[in-house]
Amino acid sequence: MDQKEPRDTQHQIFTIPNIMSFFRLLLIPVFVWCYVFRKDMTWSLIILIVSGITDLFDGLIARRFHMISDLGKMLDPVADKLTAAALLICLIVKYPVMWVAFGALVIKEFSDGILGLMVIKRTGRVYGSSWHGKVTTVVMYVVVGLLILWVDIPDKLATALILLCAGLQLLSCALYAKQNLSHLHEPAEPEK
């Protein structure tokens, strides 16, 4: 019976972590509206913090209460990627160098997506995020929060922080590529 329980939870849809990931997706247009249209930096920052907290806790809850699911393994990174893209695009107007970070994000996600699909097709397994992906996300949240909060940040410091985000995206891309390529050499899941 104990061996069957993890298998059953893999296919659950309405778990607390999955609902938190859906909630993060719903926060994206709210952030864009507050930042771009209302130019309300306070609410933009609050939404960013709430999004970051739910991102942190959905994984902790999933592991602690055995709510890890295949949907969650895919939904959490999708929410991360779309949130990151929205944040970076919103800040491009004020910080044009953000195009570099956005380009690095696109390269990383395109590479991860292609290799990830190949891994799923080859092994039949869905792998969750790695530590470097989470570190990259946390740093991006902190940098974006700082850029929102510190309105008169010196240009050189803003540029350095944005380039740090870009560098971490590319480093994470390389580490995910290495990880996915090693998974491609694992035995395939047997047909059911």
Foldseek 3Di string as FASTA:
>chain_A
DVVCVLVVLQADQPDPLNVLLVVLLVLLVVLCCCCPPVVPLVVNLVSLVSSLVSLVVSVVCCVVVVNHYLCSQVSSVVSLLSNLLSLLVSCCVVQVLSVLLNVLSVVLVVLLVVLQVLLCVQAVDRDHDDPLVVVLSVLSSVLSSCCSVVVPPDNVVNNVSSVVSSVSSNVSSVVSNVVSVVSNPDHHDDDD
